[in-house]
């Protein structure tokens, strides 16, 4: 128990309560004792002043004072008179009263110099301490009046306080134990819930979440854990889908290459035109595998920050016409038209030609893949605030709003079945976004379902 946070909090709480109560009890006992003694000392000192006046008059009249016993009974104290050497002139001191006085005693010297003195003594065999006060008498010869009385009730009062404090300690400890248990449990229970959820998540339960999502710091930790779990679960789902996609994308061309190669090896395709068609298909499927591998390598380098980007001055109009020319056969197959709208005085951009080609290739390929027959694809470029804004628009089915925030995530595909049949792996837009950012640009999407999609990105002016 003591190794857990709950045990440490609970035991620490109880120890603090006990130490506080014991310290407070000891302090109160000490203060009560000192208060009673000081009150008794002041009271006895006041009485001794009155007794000193009476005794001084008797000594001045040339006779020793008598009836000190009766006076002592009235005052509740034992009274005697001693000279400077400690010899008893009248009355009788208490037992064990030392005489004569010790030599070189600062307090005795101060007494006979005119300063009243007091002593508190704990006599052996007595339950309560006792107090002695002494007042000097200067005539006709140096002497002092001593009053002695036990301080009755001190130990009784302190004992009563101790019993009260002990009872308070027991009641407070029980109450503190109950309260401390619930307080400690309230603090550690959410942490334990987060720990259990994290343990289940680590064991592969990606649906594991914590219910500790209150408004305090621990609740904030629970909310952060749930957000992290959601993110990791999404990544795991995307990873599984991606592996399935890659497996499919590799399996199909590899199976085609293997079948066509075996046909060629077995002499099934004896006619030259059949052999050329088989070889062309093998080359195409090999290129498809090569592109998938290159996309994976590019994404890996981009995420690791290891992809080299070399910006250079680029004539955007010439670049776009040159790069889009290779799509002529695809455009012809679907009867699509590609329109490039670039002003004649457009300033050159600062971009890596090879990486910019990848961006244009991905965006135009997506537009071609998703555009219906007899549609148009538009590429525009405009200078805006020191940057060149480039847009690629199509009139395809568009992207649903719920999918738009995720299209830049790696492995994410809007339409799984369509992307698989069309060769998509969910890597293209993730690569595009990171390439644009690597060239100091930003990319955004505008899309309405049924009205196409428009990808807009910026590049710095050279």
Protein backbone atom coordinates (compact mmCIF):
# COMPACT_ATOMS: atom_id res chain seq x y z
CA UNK A 1 0.00 0.00 0.00
CA UNK A 2 2.78 2.41 0.92
CA UNK A 3 4.28 2.06 -2.56
CA UNK A 4 1.14 3.40 -4.20
CA UNK A 5 0.32 7.08 -4.52
CA UNK A 6 -2.88 6.47 -2.55
CA UNK A 7 -0.93 4.92 0.32
CA UNK A 8 1.63 7.69 0.38
CA UNK A 9 -1.00 10.43 0.34
CA UNK A 10 -3.10 8.72 2.99
CA UNK A 11 -0.22 7.99 5.38
CA UNK A 12 1.29 11.46 4.86
CA UNK A 13 -2.09 13.01 5.63
CA UNK A 14 -2.46 11.04 8.88
CA UNK A 15 1.14 11.76 9.95
CA UNK A 16 0.65 15.49 9.40
CA UNK A 17 -2.56 15.44 11.47
CA UNK A 18 -0.87 13.51 14.31
CA UNK A 19 2.22 15.70 14.35
CA UNK A 20 0.12 18.87 14.28
CA UNK A 21 -2.12 17.69 17.12
CA UNK A 22 0.75 16.46 19.32
CA UNK A 23 2.73 19.65 18.74
CA UNK A 24 -0.31 21.78 19.50
CA UNK A 25 -1.01 19.78 22.67
CA UNK A 26 2.55 20.11 23.94
CA UNK A 27 2.54 23.83 23.19
CA UNK A 28 -0.79 24.36 24.97
CA UNK A 29 0.40 22.39 28.02
CA UNK A 30 3.53 24.51 28.20
CA UNK A 31 1.60 27.77 27.79
CA UNK A 32 -0.98 26.83 30.44
CA UNK A 33 1.73 25.84 32.90
CA UNK A 34 3.65 29.07 32.33
CA UNK A 35 0.48 31.14 32.59
CA UNK A 36 -0.54 29.57 35.92
CA UNK A 37 2.96 29.96 37.36
CA UNK A 38 3.26 33.56 36.22
CA UNK A 39 -0.17 34.42 37.62
CA UNK A 40 0.73 32.82 40.94
CA UNK A 41 4.09 34.60 41.00
CA UNK A 42 2.51 38.02 40.42
CA UNK A 43 -0.13 37.30 43.08
CA UNK A 44 2.41 36.13 45.62
CA UNK A 45 4.72 39.01 44.85
CA UNK A 46 1.89 41.46 45.54
CA UNK A 47 1.18 39.78 48.87
CA UNK A 48 4.86 39.83 49.78
CA UNK A 49 4.96 43.61 49.29
CA UNK A 50 2.20 44.03 51.89
CA UNK A 51 3.85 41.59 54.30
CA UNK A 52 7.20 43.42 53.89
CA UNK A 53 5.61 46.70 55.00
CA UNK A 54 4.20 45.10 58.19
CA UNK A 55 7.48 43.35 59.04
CA UNK A 56 9.52 46.45 58.26
CA UNK A 57 7.45 48.46 60.77
CA UNK A 58 7.99 45.79 63.43
CA UNK A 59 11.74 45.75 62.84
CA UNK A 60 11.90 49.54 62.93
CA UNK A 61 10.17 49.46 66.33
CA UNK A 62 12.95 47.26 67.65
CA UNK A 63 11.04 44.01 67.93
CA UNK A 64 10.86 40.89 65.80
CA UNK A 65 7.64 40.26 63.99
CA UNK A 66 5.33 37.66 65.50
CA UNK A 67 2.24 35.83 64.38
CA UNK A 68 3.84 35.03 60.99
CA UNK A 69 2.12 31.63 61.08
CA UNK A 70 -1.32 33.25 61.37
CA UNK A 71 -0.48 35.72 58.64
CA UNK A 72 0.76 32.88 56.45
CA UNK A 73 -2.46 30.93 56.93
CA UNK A 74 -4.46 33.99 55.92
CA UNK A 75 -2.34 34.51 52.83
CA UNK A 76 -2.04 30.82 51.99
CA UNK A 77 1.76 30.94 52.14
CA UNK A 78 4.63 30.11 54.46
CA UNK A 79 6.45 33.28 55.63
CA UNK A 80 9.90 33.83 57.12
CA UNK A 81 12.51 36.58 57.42
CA UNK A 82 16.23 36.10 56.76
CA UNK A 83 19.21 38.41 56.85
CA UNK A 84 21.81 38.87 54.13
CA UNK A 85 23.73 35.79 55.23
CA UNK A 86 20.70 33.59 55.25
CA UNK A 87 20.14 33.44 58.99
CA UNK A 88 16.48 33.09 59.91
CA UNK A 89 15.28 36.10 61.90
CA UNK A 90 11.62 35.11 62.19
CA UNK A 91 9.28 32.41 60.95
CA UNK A 92 10.38 29.05 59.56
CA UNK A 93 11.35 28.22 56.00
CA UNK A 94 10.13 25.09 54.17
CA UNK A 95 12.13 21.88 54.46
CA UNK A 96 15.33 21.67 52.39
CA UNK A 97 15.64 25.45 52.34
CA UNK A 98 19.37 25.95 52.10
CA UNK A 99 21.10 28.23 54.60
CA UNK A 100 23.26 30.14 54.82
CA UNK A 101 22.94 31.66 51.38
CA UNK A 102 25.55 30.54 48.81
CA UNK A 103 28.33 33.01 48.17
CA UNK A 104 28.51 34.94 44.90
CA UNK A 105 24.87 34.23 44.09
CA UNK A 106 23.72 36.90 41.57
CA UNK A 107 20.07 36.56 42.52
CA UNK A 108 20.71 36.84 46.27
CA UNK A 109 22.97 39.84 45.66
CA UNK A 110 20.30 41.46 43.48
CA UNK A 111 17.68 40.77 46.18
CA UNK A 112 19.56 42.64 48.89
CA UNK A 113 20.32 45.41 46.43
CA UNK A 114 16.56 46.09 46.21
CA UNK A 115 15.24 43.84 43.41
CA UNK A 116 12.47 41.35 44.37
CA UNK A 117 13.22 37.77 43.30
CA UNK A 118 11.23 34.60 42.71
CA UNK A 119 12.04 30.90 42.35
CA UNK A 120 9.98 28.01 40.98
CA UNK A 121 10.96 24.63 42.36
CA UNK A 122 9.66 21.12 41.92
CA UNK A 123 9.98 19.38 45.23
CA UNK A 124 10.52 15.64 45.31
CA UNK A 125 7.37 13.89 46.45
CA UNK A 126 5.13 16.87 45.59
CA UNK A 127 2.59 16.69 42.81
CA UNK A 128 2.73 20.40 42.04
CA UNK A 129 5.68 22.77 41.81
CA UNK A 130 6.14 25.49 44.37
CA UNK A 131 7.06 29.15 44.14
CA UNK A 132 9.13 31.35 46.47
CA UNK A 133 9.17 35.12 46.28
CA UNK A 134 11.48 37.41 48.26
CA UNK A 135 11.16 41.17 48.91
CA UNK A 136 14.06 43.14 50.47
CA UNK A 137 13.75 45.13 53.72
CA UNK A 138 16.37 47.84 54.10
CA UNK A 139 15.88 48.97 57.67
CA UNK A 140 17.18 48.81 60.29
CA UNK A 141 19.54 46.24 58.68
CA UNK A 142 19.44 44.42 55.34
CA UNK A 143 16.93 41.59 55.42
CA UNK A 144 14.33 40.02 53.20
CA UNK A 145 10.85 38.62 53.55
CA UNK A 146 10.26 35.23 51.90
CA UNK A 147 6.88 33.76 50.97
CA UNK A 148 6.55 30.15 49.89
CA UNK A 149 3.51 28.33 48.54
CA UNK A 150 2.88 25.32 46.30
CA UNK A 151 1.20 26.11 43.01
CA UNK A 152 -1.74 23.83 43.47
CA UNK A 153 -3.78 22.76 40.47
CA UNK A 154 -1.09 23.20 37.81
CA UNK A 155 -0.66 19.51 37.10
CA UNK A 156 -4.38 19.00 37.47
CA UNK A 157 -5.12 21.69 34.90
CA UNK A 158 -2.45 20.39 32.56
CA UNK A 159 -3.75 16.86 33.03
CA UNK A 160 -7.25 18.01 32.13
CA UNK A 161 -5.93 19.73 29.04
CA UNK A 162 -3.92 16.64 28.12
CA UNK A 163 -7.01 14.46 28.44
CA UNK A 164 -9.01 16.91 26.36
CA UNK A 165 -6.29 17.00 23.72
CA UNK A 166 -6.03 13.21 23.74
CA UNK A 167 -9.76 12.93 23.18
CA UNK A 168 -9.54 15.55 20.44
CA UNK A 169 -6.61 13.66 18.96
CA UNK A 170 -8.57 10.41 18.84
CA UNK A 171 -11.67 12.03 17.38
CA UNK A 172 -9.62 14.12 14.95
CA UNK A 173 -7.57 11.11 13.88
CA UNK A 174 -10.69 9.07 13.16
CA UNK A 175 -12.28 11.95 11.26
CA UNK A 176 -9.01 12.70 9.45
CA UNK A 177 -8.61 9.03 8.55
CA UNK A 178 -12.07 8.89 7.01
CA UNK A 179 -11.66 12.22 5.24
CA UNK A 180 -8.10 11.40 4.17
CA UNK A 181 -9.25 8.08 2.75
CA UNK A 182 -11.87 9.68 0.53
CA UNK A 183 -9.64 12.62 -0.43
CA UNK A 184 -6.73 10.32 -1.32
CA UNK A 185 -9.04 7.95 -3.17
CA UNK A 186 -10.58 10.88 -5.04
CA UNK A 187 -7.12 12.02 -6.15
CA UNK A 188 -5.65 8.62 -7.03
CA UNK A 189 -8.71 6.89 -8.49
CA UNK A 190 -8.61 8.95 -11.73
CA UNK A 191 -4.87 8.28 -12.03
CA UNK A 192 -5.48 4.56 -11.57
CA UNK A 193 -8.21 4.68 -14.24
CA UNK A 194 -5.82 6.40 -16.66
CA UNK A 195 -3.16 3.79 -15.85
CA UNK A 196 -5.56 0.91 -16.52
CA UNK A 197 -6.68 2.47 -19.78
CA UNK A 198 -3.06 2.97 -20.86
CA UNK A 199 -2.21 -0.63 -19.94
CA UNK A 200 -5.12 -1.99 -21.98
CA UNK A 201 -4.16 0.26 -24.87
CA UNK A 202 -0.56 -0.98 -24.71
CA UNK A 203 -1.84 -4.56 -24.90
CA UNK A 204 -3.61 -3.80 -28.19
CA UNK A 205 -7.07 -2.66 -27.09
CA UNK A 206 -7.22 0.50 -29.22
CA UNK A 207 -10.76 1.25 -27.99
CA UNK A 208 -9.51 1.71 -24.43
CA UNK A 209 -10.30 5.16 -23.03
CA UNK A 210 -10.32 6.70 -19.56
CA UNK A 211 -13.35 8.17 -17.84
CA UNK A 212 -11.15 10.56 -15.80
CA UNK A 213 -11.91 13.68 -17.83
CA UNK A 214 -12.84 16.20 -15.14
CA UNK A 215 -11.95 19.88 -15.02
CA UNK A 216 -8.81 19.60 -12.87
CA UNK A 217 -5.20 18.78 -13.82
CA UNK A 218 -5.83 15.02 -13.66
CA UNK A 219 -8.91 15.44 -15.84
CA UNK A 220 -6.77 17.39 -18.31
CA UNK A 221 -4.31 14.49 -18.31
CA UNK A 222 -7.17 12.07 -19.00
CA UNK A 223 -8.42 14.21 -21.88
CA UNK A 224 -4.91 14.34 -23.31
CA UNK A 225 -4.62 10.56 -23.03
CA UNK A 226 -7.95 10.06 -24.82
CA UNK A 227 -6.90 12.44 -27.58
CA UNK A 228 -3.59 10.60 -27.92
CA UNK A 229 -5.40 7.26 -27.98
CA UNK A 230 -7.76 8.51 -30.69
CA UNK A 231 -4.81 9.70 -32.75
CA UNK A 232 -2.87 6.45 -32.31
CA UNK A 233 -5.95 4.36 -33.05
CA UNK A 234 -6.49 6.33 -36.25
CA UNK A 235 -2.85 5.87 -37.22
CA UNK A 236 -3.12 2.15 -36.51
CA UNK A 237 -6.28 1.85 -38.62
CA UNK A 238 -4.64 3.82 -41.42
CA UNK A 239 -1.56 1.63 -41.17
CA UNK A 240 -3.61 -1.52 -41.50
CA UNK A 241 -5.52 -0.09 -44.44
CA UNK A 242 -2.28 1.06 -45.99
CA UNK A 243 -0.70 -2.38 -45.65
CA UNK A 244 -3.77 -3.87 -47.25
CA UNK A 245 -3.57 -1.30 -50.06
CA UNK A 246 0.15 -1.80 -50.63
CA UNK A 247 -0.32 -5.57 -50.59
CA UNK A 248 -3.05 -5.23 -53.20
CA UNK A 249 -1.09 -2.72 -55.28
CA UNK A 250 1.97 -4.99 -55.28
CA UNK A 251 0.08 -8.24 -55.67
CA UNK A 252 -1.78 -7.22 -58.81
CA UNK A 253 1.20 -6.04 -60.93
CA UNK A 254 3.44 -8.81 -59.63
CA UNK A 255 0.83 -11.41 -60.54
CA UNK A 256 0.48 -9.83 -64.01
CA UNK A 257 4.24 -9.73 -64.55
CA UNK A 258 4.59 -13.33 -63.41
CA UNK A 259 1.78 -14.58 -65.65
CA UNK A 260 2.98 -12.69 -68.71
CA UNK A 261 6.61 -13.70 -68.13
CA UNK A 262 5.59 -17.36 -67.82
CA UNK A 263 3.53 -17.06 -71.03
CA UNK A 264 6.53 -15.63 -72.84
CA UNK A 265 8.80 -18.33 -71.42
CA UNK A 266 6.39 -21.11 -72.41
CA UNK A 267 6.08 -19.75 -75.94
CA UNK A 268 2.36 -19.12 -75.62
CA UNK A 269 2.74 -15.70 -77.29
CA UNK A 270 4.36 -16.79 -80.52
CA UNK A 271 3.33 -13.84 -82.63
CA UNK A 272 5.57 -10.73 -82.39
CA UNK A 273 2.67 -8.33 -81.77
CA UNK A 274 1.52 -10.45 -78.83
CA UNK A 275 5.03 -10.54 -77.44
CA UNK A 276 5.31 -6.75 -77.73
CA UNK A 277 1.99 -6.28 -75.98
CA UNK A 278 3.03 -8.62 -73.17
CA UNK A 279 6.37 -6.84 -72.80
CA UNK A 280 4.69 -3.43 -72.75
CA UNK A 281 2.33 -4.63 -70.02
CA UNK A 282 5.26 -5.97 -68.00
CA UNK A 283 7.06 -2.61 -68.32
CA UNK A 284 3.91 -0.73 -67.29
CA UNK A 285 3.34 -2.87 -64.23
CA UNK A 286 7.02 -2.53 -63.29
CA UNK A 287 6.69 1.25 -63.52
CA UNK A 288 3.61 1.07 -61.31
CA UNK A 289 5.57 -0.82 -58.64
CA UNK A 290 8.47 1.60 -59.02
CA UNK A 291 6.18 4.61 -58.44
CA UNK A 292 4.68 3.06 -55.32
CA UNK A 293 8.14 2.40 -53.88
CA UNK A 294 9.33 5.92 -54.76
CA UNK A 295 6.26 7.41 -53.06
CA UNK A 296 6.97 5.41 -49.93
CA UNK A 297 10.62 6.50 -49.89
CA UNK A 298 9.70 10.15 -50.52
CA UNK A 299 7.14 10.18 -47.70
CA UNK A 300 9.60 8.52 -45.34
CA UNK A 301 12.29 11.11 -46.14
CA UNK A 302 9.83 14.02 -45.87
CA UNK A 303 8.59 12.92 -42.46
CA UNK A 304 12.17 12.42 -41.26
CA UNK A 305 13.22 15.82 -42.66
CA UNK A 306 15.87 14.19 -44.85
CA UNK A 307 14.51 15.04 -48.31
CA UNK A 308 16.72 17.54 -50.14
CA UNK A 309 14.97 20.52 -51.75
CA UNK A 310 17.01 22.80 -54.04
CA UNK A 311 14.99 25.96 -54.88
CA UNK A 312 15.75 27.59 -58.24
CA UNK A 313 14.26 30.28 -60.47
CA UNK A 314 11.52 28.66 -62.56
CA UNK A 315 9.37 29.99 -65.41
CA UNK A 316 6.02 28.66 -64.24
CA UNK A 317 4.12 28.99 -67.56
CA UNK A 318 6.70 27.01 -69.53
CA UNK A 319 7.02 24.51 -66.71
CA UNK A 320 3.26 23.82 -66.59
CA UNK A 321 2.95 23.36 -70.34
CA UNK A 322 5.92 21.02 -70.36
CA UNK A 323 4.77 18.90 -67.43
CA UNK A 324 1.14 18.56 -68.48
CA UNK A 325 2.00 17.49 -72.04
CA UNK A 326 2.59 13.93 -70.86
CA UNK A 327 -1.10 13.61 -69.94
CA UNK A 328 -2.30 14.00 -73.51
CA UNK A 329 -3.03 10.31 -74.01
CA UNK A 330 -4.97 10.09 -70.73
CA UNK A 331 -6.93 13.19 -71.63
CA UNK A 332 -7.74 11.75 -75.02
CA UNK A 333 -8.93 8.44 -73.54
CA UNK A 334 -11.51 10.21 -71.33
CA UNK A 335 -12.14 13.06 -73.78
CA UNK A 336 -10.97 15.60 -71.19
CA UNK A 337 -9.59 19.06 -71.83
CA UNK A 338 -6.75 20.67 -69.83
CA UNK A 339 -6.76 24.48 -69.70
CA UNK A 340 -3.77 26.44 -68.40
CA UNK A 341 -4.39 30.08 -67.51
CA UNK A 342 -1.15 31.91 -66.67
CA UNK A 343 -0.59 35.66 -67.25
CA UNK A 344 2.19 36.60 -69.67
CA UNK A 345 3.92 38.84 -67.12
CA UNK A 346 3.81 36.28 -64.29
CA UNK A 347 7.09 36.52 -62.35
CA UNK A 348 9.18 33.36 -61.99
CA UNK A 349 8.80 31.25 -58.86
CA UNK A 350 11.44 29.88 -56.50
CA UNK A 351 10.97 26.12 -56.45
CA UNK A 352 12.70 22.77 -56.84
CA UNK A 353 11.82 21.68 -60.38
CA UNK A 354 11.75 17.96 -59.62
CA UNK A 355 9.65 18.37 -56.48
CA UNK A 356 7.28 20.83 -58.15
CA UNK A 357 6.81 18.27 -60.93
CA UNK A 358 5.77 15.73 -58.28
CA UNK A 359 3.21 18.18 -56.89
CA UNK A 360 1.71 18.96 -60.32
CA UNK A 361 1.78 15.28 -61.29
CA UNK A 362 -0.15 14.21 -58.19
CA UNK A 363 -2.74 16.96 -58.46
CA UNK A 364 -3.32 16.55 -62.20
CA UNK A 365 -3.37 12.75 -61.92
CA UNK A 366 -6.06 12.99 -59.24
CA UNK A 367 -8.06 15.43 -61.38
CA UNK A 368 -7.84 13.14 -64.42
CA UNK A 369 -8.73 10.07 -62.37
CA UNK A 370 -11.83 11.58 -60.79
CA UNK A 371 -13.12 13.81 -63.61
CA UNK A 372 -16.07 12.50 -65.66
CA UNK A 373 -15.80 12.15 -69.42
CA UNK A 374 -16.05 15.32 -71.54
CA UNK A 375 -15.07 17.49 -68.55
CA UNK A 376 -12.36 20.14 -68.19
CA UNK A 377 -9.42 20.49 -65.82
CA UNK A 378 -8.19 24.02 -65.09
CA UNK A 379 -4.75 25.13 -63.93
CA UNK A 380 -4.42 28.80 -63.01
CA UNK A 381 -1.63 30.94 -61.55
CA UNK A 382 -1.82 34.48 -60.15
CA UNK A 383 0.59 36.74 -58.22
CA UNK A 384 -0.77 37.66 -54.77
CA UNK A 385 1.13 39.59 -52.06
CA UNK A 386 4.61 38.54 -53.10
CA UNK A 387 3.64 34.94 -53.80
CA UNK A 388 2.34 32.95 -56.75
CA UNK A 389 -1.01 31.25 -56.11
CA UNK A 390 -1.49 28.12 -58.24
CA UNK A 391 -4.83 26.27 -58.43
CA UNK A 392 -5.77 22.90 -59.98
CA UNK A 393 -9.55 22.45 -60.38
CA UNK A 394 -11.68 19.58 -61.61
CA UNK A 395 -15.40 18.90 -61.98
CA UNK A 396 -15.41 15.48 -60.37
CA UNK A 397 -17.60 14.17 -57.52
CA UNK A 398 -15.91 16.38 -54.93
CA UNK A 399 -14.79 15.51 -51.41
CA UNK A 400 -17.29 15.25 -48.51
CA UNK A 401 -16.78 17.80 -45.70
CA UNK A 402 -16.13 15.07 -43.13
CA UNK A 403 -13.22 13.76 -45.21
CA UNK A 404 -11.61 17.11 -46.05
CA UNK A 405 -9.66 17.55 -42.78
CA UNK A 406 -8.07 14.11 -43.25
CA UNK A 407 -7.07 14.08 -46.91
CA UNK A 408 -3.56 15.30 -46.01
CA UNK A 409 -3.01 12.39 -43.64
CA UNK A 410 -0.81 9.63 -44.85
CA UNK A 411 -2.60 6.44 -45.92
CA UNK A 412 -5.99 8.20 -45.95
CA UNK A 413 -8.34 7.58 -48.86
CA UNK A 414 -11.74 9.19 -49.36
CA UNK A 415 -13.27 6.39 -51.42
CA UNK A 416 -11.45 3.16 -50.63
CA UNK A 417 -12.94 1.07 -53.41
CA UNK A 418 -12.50 3.77 -56.06
CA UNK A 419 -8.94 4.57 -54.93
CA UNK A 420 -7.97 0.92 -55.03
CA UNK A 421 -9.36 0.32 -58.46
CA UNK A 422 -7.69 3.50 -59.68
CA UNK A 423 -4.34 2.71 -58.18
CA UNK A 424 -4.42 5.22 -55.31
CA UNK A 425 -2.60 4.42 -52.07
CA UNK A 426 -3.44 7.47 -49.97
CA UNK A 427 0.12 8.79 -50.21
CA UNK A 428 -0.15 11.36 -52.99
CA UNK A 429 -1.72 14.29 -51.12
CA UNK A 430 0.36 13.63 -48.01
CA UNK A 431 3.49 13.93 -50.19
CA UNK A 432 2.11 17.01 -51.98
CA UNK A 433 1.48 18.89 -48.74
CA UNK A 434 4.93 18.16 -47.33
CA UNK A 435 6.65 19.06 -50.62
CA UNK A 436 4.81 22.39 -50.82
CA UNK A 437 5.75 23.17 -47.23
CA UNK A 438 9.36 22.23 -47.93
CA UNK A 439 9.34 24.89 -50.70
CA UNK A 440 8.01 27.55 -48.26
CA UNK A 441 4.43 27.31 -49.49
CA UNK A 442 0.99 26.33 -48.21
CA UNK A 443 -1.76 24.24 -49.80
CA UNK A 444 -5.53 24.28 -49.22
CA UNK A 445 -8.65 22.55 -50.52
CA UNK A 446 -12.03 23.87 -51.60
CA UNK A 447 -14.62 21.26 -52.51
CA UNK A 448 -18.36 20.76 -52.73
CA UNK A 449 -19.86 17.34 -53.20
CA UNK A 450 -20.98 16.96 -56.82
CA UNK A 451 -19.16 20.13 -57.97
CA UNK A 452 -15.54 19.05 -58.04
CA UNK A 453 -12.47 20.00 -56.03
CA UNK A 454 -9.97 22.85 -56.17
CA UNK A 455 -6.46 22.49 -54.75
CA UNK A 456 -4.66 25.81 -54.24
CA UNK A 457 -1.02 26.17 -53.21
CA UNK A 458 1.48 29.01 -53.01
CA UNK A 459 5.12 29.38 -53.98
CA UNK A 460 7.48 32.29 -53.26
CA UNK A 461 8.38 34.67 -56.04
CA UNK A 462 11.98 34.28 -57.18
